[in-house]
């Protein structure tokens, strides 16, 4: 995660699927902004990693 005084972004890999299945990986990126002391997600992006 990278953060400034009132903006930040974070990214990671998630495994998504039903219980008992292998599922698949998804890349997640979120943009955040601090509003009145609370961090709010202002942008969200999902994609399937290449390969």
C-alpha atoms as a PDB file:
ATOM      1  CA  UNK A   1       0.000   0.000   0.000  1.00  0.00           C
ATOM      2  CA  UNK A   2       1.174   3.520  -0.778  1.00  0.00           C
ATOM      3  CA  UNK A   3      -0.408   6.427   1.106  1.00  0.00           C
ATOM      4  CA  UNK A   4      -0.262  10.205   1.246  1.00  0.00           C
ATOM      5  CA  UNK A   5      -2.099  12.545   3.602  1.00  0.00           C
ATOM      6  CA  UNK A   6      -5.514  11.924   2.048  1.00  0.00           C
ATOM      7  CA  UNK A   7      -5.053   9.492  -0.868  1.00  0.00           C
ATOM      8  CA  UNK A   8      -3.718   5.923  -1.095  1.00  0.00           C
ATOM      9  CA  UNK A   9      -3.717   2.880  -3.329  1.00  0.00           C
ATOM     10  CA  UNK A  10      -3.361  -0.826  -2.614  1.00  0.00           C
ATOM     11  CA  UNK A  11      -3.133  -3.948  -4.762  1.00  0.00           C
ATOM     12  CA  UNK A  12      -3.055  -7.691  -4.301  1.00  0.00           C
ATOM     13  CA  UNK A  13      -3.925 -11.128  -5.668  1.00  0.00           C
ATOM     14  CA  UNK A  14      -7.081 -12.919  -4.510  1.00  0.00           C
ATOM     15  CA  UNK A  15      -8.304 -16.461  -5.060  1.00  0.00           C
ATOM     16  CA  UNK A  16     -12.013 -16.516  -5.959  1.00  0.00           C
ATOM     17  CA  UNK A  17     -14.250 -19.590  -6.129  1.00  0.00           C
ATOM     18  CA  UNK A  18     -16.953 -21.668  -4.501  1.00  0.00           C
ATOM     19  CA  UNK A  19     -16.208 -23.778  -1.423  1.00  0.00           C
ATOM     20  CA  UNK A  20     -14.520 -27.042  -2.388  1.00  0.00           C
ATOM     21  CA  UNK A  21     -13.233 -25.759  -5.752  1.00  0.00           C
ATOM     22  CA  UNK A  22      -9.796 -24.565  -6.804  1.00  0.00           C
ATOM     23  CA  UNK A  23     -11.184 -21.218  -7.985  1.00  0.00           C
ATOM     24  CA  UNK A  24      -9.069 -18.732  -9.914  1.00  0.00           C
ATOM     25  CA  UNK A  25      -6.772 -15.805  -9.180  1.00  0.00           C
ATOM     26  CA  UNK A  26      -7.876 -12.205  -9.580  1.00  0.00           C
ATOM     27  CA  UNK A  27      -5.726  -9.071  -9.348  1.00  0.00           C
ATOM     28  CA  UNK A  28      -7.360  -6.297  -7.289  1.00  0.00           C
ATOM     29  CA  UNK A  29      -6.366  -2.622  -7.216  1.00  0.00           C
ATOM     30  CA  UNK A  30      -8.162  -0.028  -5.093  1.00  0.00           C
ATOM     31  CA  UNK A  31      -7.797   3.740  -4.833  1.00  0.00           C
ATOM     32  CA  UNK A  32      -8.732   5.330  -1.509  1.00  0.00           C
ATOM     33  CA  UNK A  33      -9.370   8.841  -0.238  1.00  0.00           C
ATOM     34  CA  UNK A  34      -9.587   9.992   3.384  1.00  0.00           C
ATOM     35  CA  UNK A  35     -12.830  11.909   3.942  1.00  0.00           C
ATOM     36  CA  UNK A  36     -13.595  13.307   7.409  1.00  0.00           C
ATOM     37  CA  UNK A  37     -11.052  10.908   8.953  1.00  0.00           C
ATOM     38  CA  UNK A  38     -12.370   7.749   7.235  1.00  0.00           C
ATOM     39  CA  UNK A  39     -10.677   5.907   4.346  1.00  0.00           C
ATOM     40  CA  UNK A  40     -13.173   5.345   1.508  1.00  0.00           C
ATOM     41  CA  UNK A  41     -12.648   3.256  -1.638  1.00  0.00           C
ATOM     42  CA  UNK A  42     -13.081   5.675  -4.531  1.00  0.00           C
ATOM     43  CA  UNK A  43     -11.856   3.373  -7.318  1.00  0.00           C
ATOM     44  CA  UNK A  44     -11.775  -0.415  -7.656  1.00  0.00           C
ATOM     45  CA  UNK A  45     -10.431  -2.542 -10.520  1.00  0.00           C
ATOM     46  CA  UNK A  46     -10.317  -6.335 -10.979  1.00  0.00           C
ATOM     47  CA  UNK A  47      -8.492  -8.251 -13.690  1.00  0.00           C
ATOM     48  CA  UNK A  48      -7.325 -11.789 -14.378  1.00  0.00           C
ATOM     49  CA  UNK A  49      -3.507 -12.016 -14.317  1.00  0.00           C
ATOM     50  CA  UNK A  50      -1.844 -13.041 -17.583  1.00  0.00           C
ATOM     51  CA  UNK A  51      -0.400 -16.524 -17.726  1.00  0.00           C
END
